[in-house]
């Protein structure tokens, strides 16, 4: 059995990621069985900081731009725990 605990598996990511994004394709090979409320990992891997200043951060990628819009609209980043489908 292969498991993964990562921000990449949080189902809410689908709300701000482009359809067909590689992150979404990776997450699709897992059955998510749990979540944890923390945004530090997602913020770090998307923005390069665990506490970015979202008011003045200049988005450099489409992922950063859509994640900022999602966050400003009240969206939350979390971790997902999944088991790889066989």
Protein backbone atom coordinates (compact mmCIF):
# COMPACT_ATOMS: atom_id res chain seq x y z
CA UNK A 1 0.00 0.00 0.00
CA UNK A 2 1.33 3.43 -0.95
CA UNK A 3 0.22 6.49 1.01
CA UNK A 4 0.84 10.21 0.64
CA UNK A 5 0.29 13.16 2.99
CA UNK A 6 0.61 16.39 1.03
CA UNK A 7 -1.03 19.66 0.06
CA UNK A 8 -1.12 18.19 -3.45
CA UNK A 9 -3.91 15.83 -2.39
CA UNK A 10 -6.28 18.40 -0.87
CA UNK A 11 -9.54 18.14 -2.88
CA UNK A 12 -10.14 21.91 -2.59
CA UNK A 13 -7.22 22.50 -4.96
CA UNK A 14 -9.56 21.74 -7.83
CA UNK A 15 -11.27 25.07 -7.14
CA UNK A 16 -8.26 27.10 -8.30
CA UNK A 17 -6.20 24.81 -10.52
CA UNK A 18 -6.61 24.56 -14.25
CA UNK A 19 -8.36 21.44 -15.54
CA UNK A 20 -5.78 18.87 -16.52
CA UNK A 21 -3.03 20.38 -14.32
CA UNK A 22 -0.29 17.90 -13.47
CA UNK A 23 -0.98 18.36 -9.75
CA UNK A 24 -4.59 17.33 -10.34
CA UNK A 25 -3.48 14.33 -12.38
CA UNK A 26 -1.18 13.25 -9.54
CA UNK A 27 -3.93 13.66 -6.95
CA UNK A 28 -6.32 11.61 -9.08
CA UNK A 29 -4.30 8.43 -8.52
CA UNK A 30 -5.11 8.58 -4.79
CA UNK A 31 -8.25 8.05 -2.76
CA UNK A 32 -8.23 10.87 -0.21
CA UNK A 33 -9.18 9.53 3.20
CA UNK A 34 -8.42 12.52 5.41
CA UNK A 35 -7.49 16.18 5.64
CA UNK A 36 -5.55 18.40 8.00
CA UNK A 37 -6.11 22.11 8.49
CA UNK A 38 -2.80 23.77 7.75
CA UNK A 39 -1.77 25.99 4.89
CA UNK A 40 1.99 26.30 5.47
CA UNK A 41 3.03 23.59 2.98
CA UNK A 42 0.79 24.82 0.16
CA UNK A 43 1.87 28.42 0.72
CA UNK A 44 5.53 27.42 0.74
CA UNK A 45 5.36 25.33 -2.42
CA UNK A 46 3.16 27.77 -4.33
CA UNK A 47 4.67 31.08 -3.15
CA UNK A 48 8.07 30.14 -1.70
CA UNK A 49 7.14 31.34 1.81
CA UNK A 50 5.08 29.89 4.64
CA UNK A 51 3.69 33.38 5.34
CA UNK A 52 3.61 35.36 2.10
CA UNK A 53 2.17 38.86 2.13
CA UNK A 54 -0.84 38.18 -0.08
CA UNK A 55 -1.63 41.88 -0.38
CA UNK A 56 1.65 42.81 -2.09
CA UNK A 57 2.94 39.50 -3.50
CA UNK A 58 3.43 39.80 -7.28
CA UNK A 59 2.22 36.53 -8.85
CA UNK A 60 4.78 35.14 -11.28
CA UNK A 61 2.89 32.05 -12.46
CA UNK A 62 -0.67 31.19 -13.39
CA UNK A 63 -0.80 28.87 -10.34
CA UNK A 64 0.22 31.72 -8.03
CA UNK A 65 -2.34 34.04 -9.60
CA UNK A 66 -5.24 31.59 -9.32
CA UNK A 67 -4.19 30.54 -5.79
CA UNK A 68 -4.11 34.21 -4.70
CA UNK A 69 -7.57 34.85 -6.12
CA UNK A 70 -8.86 31.70 -4.39
CA UNK A 71 -7.30 32.74 -1.07
CA UNK A 72 -8.59 36.34 -1.29
CA UNK A 73 -12.11 34.95 -1.91
CA UNK A 74 -11.89 33.01 1.37
CA UNK A 75 -10.51 29.72 0.06
CA UNK A 76 -8.37 27.62 2.39
CA UNK A 77 -5.32 25.49 1.70
CA UNK A 78 -5.05 22.20 3.57
CA UNK A 79 -3.22 18.88 3.48
CA UNK A 80 -4.75 15.70 2.17
CA UNK A 81 -3.95 12.13 3.15
CA UNK A 82 -4.45 9.55 0.45
CA UNK A 83 -3.98 5.92 -0.44
CA UNK A 84 -2.80 5.13 -3.95
CA UNK A 85 -5.34 3.30 -6.06
CA UNK A 86 -4.28 -0.15 -7.17
